[in-house]
Amino acid sequence: MTRLYGLFLMLGTIALSACNTVEGAGRDMTAAGVAIQQEARSAR
């Protein structure tokens, strides 16, 4: 169980350091959402 917590902690740290700020994380999520919407529209 401790390894699982450690894994989540490491993944969270990597994700936050990749974005640098909460604002950057928001932009990344928005861009991912837009890409998913475009793929869904093209699949119709």
PDB file of N, CA and C in Angstrom:
ATOM      1  N   MET A   1       0.826  -1.193   0.000  1.00  0.00           N
ATOM      2  CA  MET A   1       0.000   0.000   0.000  1.00  0.00           C
ATOM      3  C   MET A   1       0.871   1.258   0.000  1.00  0.00           C
ATOM      4  N   THR A   2       1.999   1.200   0.689  1.00  0.00           N
ATOM      5  CA  THR A   2       2.887   2.358   0.737  1.00  0.00           C
ATOM      6  C   THR A   2       3.483   2.632  -0.634  1.00  0.00           C
ATOM      7  N   ARG A   3       3.745   1.580  -1.378  1.00  0.00           N
ATOM      8  CA  ARG A   3       4.278   1.775  -2.730  1.00  0.00           C
ATOM      9  C   ARG A   3       3.265   2.481  -3.621  1.00  0.00           C
ATOM     10  N   LEU A   4       2.000   2.134  -3.437  1.00  0.00           N
ATOM     11  CA  LEU A   4       0.938   2.762  -4.232  1.00  0.00           C
ATOM     12  C   LEU A   4       0.860   4.254  -3.940  1.00  0.00           C
ATOM     13  N   TYR A   5       0.930   4.612  -2.658  1.00  0.00           N
ATOM     14  CA  TYR A   5       0.931   6.030  -2.294  1.00  0.00           C
ATOM     15  C   TYR A   5       2.150   6.745  -2.867  1.00  0.00           C
ATOM     16  N   GLY A   6       3.280   6.092  -2.807  1.00  0.00           N
ATOM     17  CA  GLY A   6       4.498   6.672  -3.363  1.00  0.00           C
ATOM     18  C   GLY A   6       4.384   6.890  -4.860  1.00  0.00           C
ATOM     19  N   LEU A   7       3.780   5.918  -5.544  1.00  0.00           N
ATOM     20  CA  LEU A   7       3.590   6.037  -6.987  1.00  0.00           C
ATOM     21  C   LEU A   7       2.694   7.220  -7.326  1.00  0.00           C
ATOM     22  N   PHE A   8       1.581   7.357  -6.602  1.00  0.00           N
ATOM     23  CA  PHE A   8       0.682   8.484  -6.845  1.00  0.00           C
ATOM     24  C   PHE A   8       1.354   9.816  -6.535  1.00  0.00           C
ATOM     25  N   LEU A   9       2.145   9.837  -5.506  1.00  0.00           N
ATOM     26  CA  LEU A   9       2.863  11.063  -5.153  1.00  0.00           C
ATOM     27  C   LEU A   9       3.854  11.444  -6.249  1.00  0.00           C
ATOM     28  N   MET A  10       4.582  10.460  -6.758  1.00  0.00           N
ATOM     29  CA  MET A  10       5.542  10.737  -7.828  1.00  0.00           C
ATOM     30  C   MET A  10       4.837  11.195  -9.102  1.00  0.00           C
ATOM     31  N   LEU A  11       3.743  10.533  -9.468  1.00  0.00           N
ATOM     32  CA  LEU A  11       3.011  10.920 -10.676  1.00  0.00           C
ATOM     33  C   LEU A  11       2.426  12.319 -10.544  1.00  0.00           C
ATOM     34  N   GLY A  12       1.896  12.632  -9.373  1.00  0.00           N
ATOM     35  CA  GLY A  12       1.362  13.972  -9.141  1.00  0.00           C
ATOM     36  C   GLY A  12       2.442  15.034  -9.226  1.00  0.00           C
ATOM     37  N   THR A  13       3.594  14.750  -8.677  1.00  0.00           N
ATOM     38  CA  THR A  13       4.712  15.692  -8.723  1.00  0.00           C
ATOM     39  C   THR A  13       5.167  15.919 -10.156  1.00  0.00           C
ATOM     40  N   ILE A  14       5.261  14.852 -10.917  1.00  0.00           N
ATOM     41  CA  ILE A  14       5.668  14.973 -12.315  1.00  0.00           C
ATOM     42  C   ILE A  14       4.646  15.789 -13.103  1.00  0.00           C
ATOM     43  N   ALA A  15       3.365  15.511 -12.872  1.00  0.00           N
ATOM     44  CA  ALA A  15       2.312  16.233 -13.591  1.00  0.00           C
ATOM     45  C   ALA A  15       2.347  17.718 -13.261  1.00  0.00           C
ATOM     46  N   LEU A  16       2.510  18.053 -11.988  1.00  0.00           N
ATOM     47  CA  LEU A  16       2.534  19.462 -11.609  1.00  0.00           C
ATOM     48  C   LEU A  16       3.789  20.169 -12.085  1.00  0.00           C
ATOM     49  N   SER A  17       4.908  19.484 -12.070  1.00  0.00           N
ATOM     50  CA  SER A  17       6.135  20.126 -12.524  1.00  0.00           C
ATOM     51  C   SER A  17       6.130  20.310 -14.037  1.00  0.00           C
ATOM     52  N   ALA A  18       5.425  19.447 -14.742  1.00  0.00           N
ATOM     53  CA  ALA A  18       5.338  19.586 -16.188  1.00  0.00           C
ATOM     54  C   ALA A  18       4.517  20.811 -16.562  1.00  0.00           C
ATOM     55  N   CYS A  19       3.524  21.122 -15.779  1.00  0.00           N
ATOM     56  CA  CYS A  19       2.663  22.270 -16.078  1.00  0.00           C
ATOM     57  C   CYS A  19       3.216  23.568 -15.500  1.00  0.00           C
ATOM     58  N   ASN A  20       3.974  23.462 -14.441  1.00  0.00           N
ATOM     59  CA  ASN A  20       4.610  24.591 -13.762  1.00  0.00           C
ATOM     60  C   ASN A  20       3.645  25.387 -12.886  1.00  0.00           C
ATOM     61  N   THR A  21       2.417  25.579 -13.303  1.00  0.00           N
ATOM     62  CA  THR A  21       1.462  26.342 -12.498  1.00  0.00           C
ATOM     63  C   THR A  21       0.079  25.726 -12.638  1.00  0.00           C
ATOM     64  N   VAL A  22      -0.809  26.127 -11.778  1.00  0.00           N
ATOM     65  CA  VAL A  22      -2.195  25.663 -11.863  1.00  0.00           C
ATOM     66  C   VAL A  22      -2.835  26.211 -13.140  1.00  0.00           C
ATOM     67  N   GLU A  23      -2.472  27.397 -13.509  1.00  0.00           N
ATOM     68  CA  GLU A  23      -2.998  27.984 -14.742  1.00  0.00           C
ATOM     69  C   GLU A  23      -2.571  27.157 -15.950  1.00  0.00           C
ATOM     70  N   GLY A  24      -1.339  26.728 -15.947  1.00  0.00           N
ATOM     71  CA  GLY A  24      -0.846  25.880 -17.032  1.00  0.00           C
ATOM     72  C   GLY A  24      -1.572  24.554 -17.079  1.00  0.00           C
ATOM     73  N   ALA A  25      -1.885  24.006 -15.915  1.00  0.00           N
ATOM     74  CA  ALA A  25      -2.636  22.745 -15.858  1.00  0.00           C
ATOM     75  C   ALA A  25      -4.024  22.946 -16.428  1.00  0.00           C
ATOM     76  N   GLY A  26      -4.636  24.082 -16.131  1.00  0.00           N
ATOM     77  CA  GLY A  26      -5.957  24.385 -16.682  1.00  0.00           C
ATOM     78  C   GLY A  26      -5.923  24.491 -18.196  1.00  0.00           C
ATOM     79  N   ARG A  27      -4.895  25.106 -18.715  1.00  0.00           N
ATOM     80  CA  ARG A  27      -4.753  25.212 -20.178  1.00  0.00           C
ATOM     81  C   ARG A  27      -4.578  23.832 -20.808  1.00  0.00           C
ATOM     82  N   ASP A  28      -3.773  22.996 -20.153  1.00  0.00           N
ATOM     83  CA  ASP A  28      -3.557  21.645 -20.676  1.00  0.00           C
ATOM     84  C   ASP A  28      -4.857  20.858 -20.705  1.00  0.00           C
ATOM     85  N   MET A  29      -5.654  20.957 -19.640  1.00  0.00           N
ATOM     86  CA  MET A  29      -6.928  20.235 -19.590  1.00  0.00           C
ATOM     87  C   MET A  29      -7.907  20.764 -20.623  1.00  0.00           C
ATOM     88  N   THR A  30      -7.912  22.079 -20.815  1.00  0.00           N
ATOM     89  CA  THR A  30      -8.787  22.681 -21.820  1.00  0.00           C
ATOM     90  C   THR A  30      -8.405  22.197 -23.213  1.00  0.00           C
ATOM     91  N   ALA A  31      -7.130  22.177 -23.500  1.00  0.00           N
ATOM     92  CA  ALA A  31      -6.664  21.713 -24.812  1.00  0.00           C
ATOM     93  C   ALA A  31      -7.024  20.245 -25.026  1.00  0.00           C
ATOM     94  N   ALA A  32      -6.907  19.437 -23.988  1.00  0.00           N
ATOM     95  CA  ALA A  32      -7.275  18.024 -24.104  1.00  0.00           C
ATOM     96  C   ALA A  32      -8.768  17.883 -24.352  1.00  0.00           C
ATOM     97  N   GLY A  33      -9.579  18.681 -23.665  1.00  0.00           N
ATOM     98  CA  GLY A  33     -11.028  18.649 -23.864  1.00  0.00           C
ATOM     99  C   GLY A  33     -11.423  19.048 -25.273  1.00  0.00           C
ATOM    100  N   VAL A  34     -10.789  20.067 -25.802  1.00  0.00           N
ATOM    101  CA  VAL A  34     -11.065  20.517 -27.170  1.00  0.00           C
ATOM    102  C   VAL A  34     -10.707  19.418 -28.169  1.00  0.00           C
ATOM    103  N   ALA A  35      -9.581  18.774 -27.965  1.00  0.00           N
ATOM    104  CA  ALA A  35      -9.164  17.695 -28.865  1.00  0.00           C
ATOM    105  C   ALA A  35     -10.152  16.537 -28.823  1.00  0.00           C
ATOM    106  N   ILE A  36     -10.646  16.206 -27.645  1.00  0.00           N
ATOM    107  CA  ILE A  36     -11.622  15.118 -27.526  1.00  0.00           C
ATOM    108  C   ILE A  36     -12.920  15.491 -28.228  1.00  0.00           C
ATOM    109  N   GLN A  37     -13.364  16.732 -28.066  1.00  0.00           N
ATOM    110  CA  GLN A  37     -14.583  17.185 -28.735  1.00  0.00           C
ATOM    111  C   GLN A  37     -14.440  17.127 -30.247  1.00  0.00           C
ATOM    112  N   GLN A  38     -13.298  17.546 -30.768  1.00  0.00           N
ATOM    113  CA  GLN A  38     -13.088  17.526 -32.210  1.00  0.00           C
ATOM    114  C   GLN A  38     -13.078  16.094 -32.735  1.00  0.00           C
ATOM    115  N   GLU A  39     -12.464  15.181 -32.014  1.00  0.00           N
ATOM    116  CA  GLU A  39     -12.449  13.776 -32.438  1.00  0.00           C
ATOM    117  C   GLU A  39     -13.851  13.179 -32.409  1.00  0.00           C
ATOM    118  N   ALA A  40     -14.637  13.547 -31.379  1.00  0.00           N
ATOM    119  CA  ALA A  40     -15.993  13.042 -31.279  1.00  0.00           C
ATOM    120  C   ALA A  40     -16.856  13.561 -32.426  1.00  0.00           C
ATOM    121  N   ARG A  41     -16.659  14.822 -32.784  1.00  0.00           N
ATOM    122  CA  ARG A  41     -17.433  15.380 -33.906  1.00  0.00           C
ATOM    123  C   ARG A  41     -17.043  14.729 -35.231  1.00  0.00           C
ATOM    124  N   SER A  42     -15.767  14.461 -35.411  1.00  0.00           N
ATOM    125  CA  SER A  42     -15.327  13.865 -36.668  1.00  0.00           C
ATOM    126  C   SER A  42     -15.725  12.388 -36.762  1.00  0.00           C
ATOM    127  N   ALA A  43     -15.998  11.755 -35.640  1.00  0.00           N
ATOM    128  CA  ALA A  43     -16.389  10.339 -35.646  1.00  0.00           C
ATOM    129  C   ALA A  43     -17.860  10.148 -35.967  1.00  0.00           C
ATOM    130  N   ARG A  44     -18.640  11.209 -35.943  1.00  0.00           N
ATOM    131  CA  ARG A  44     -20.090  11.092 -36.210  1.00  0.00           C
ATOM    132  C   ARG A  44     -20.368  10.641 -37.590  1.00  0.00           C
TER     133      ARG A  44
END
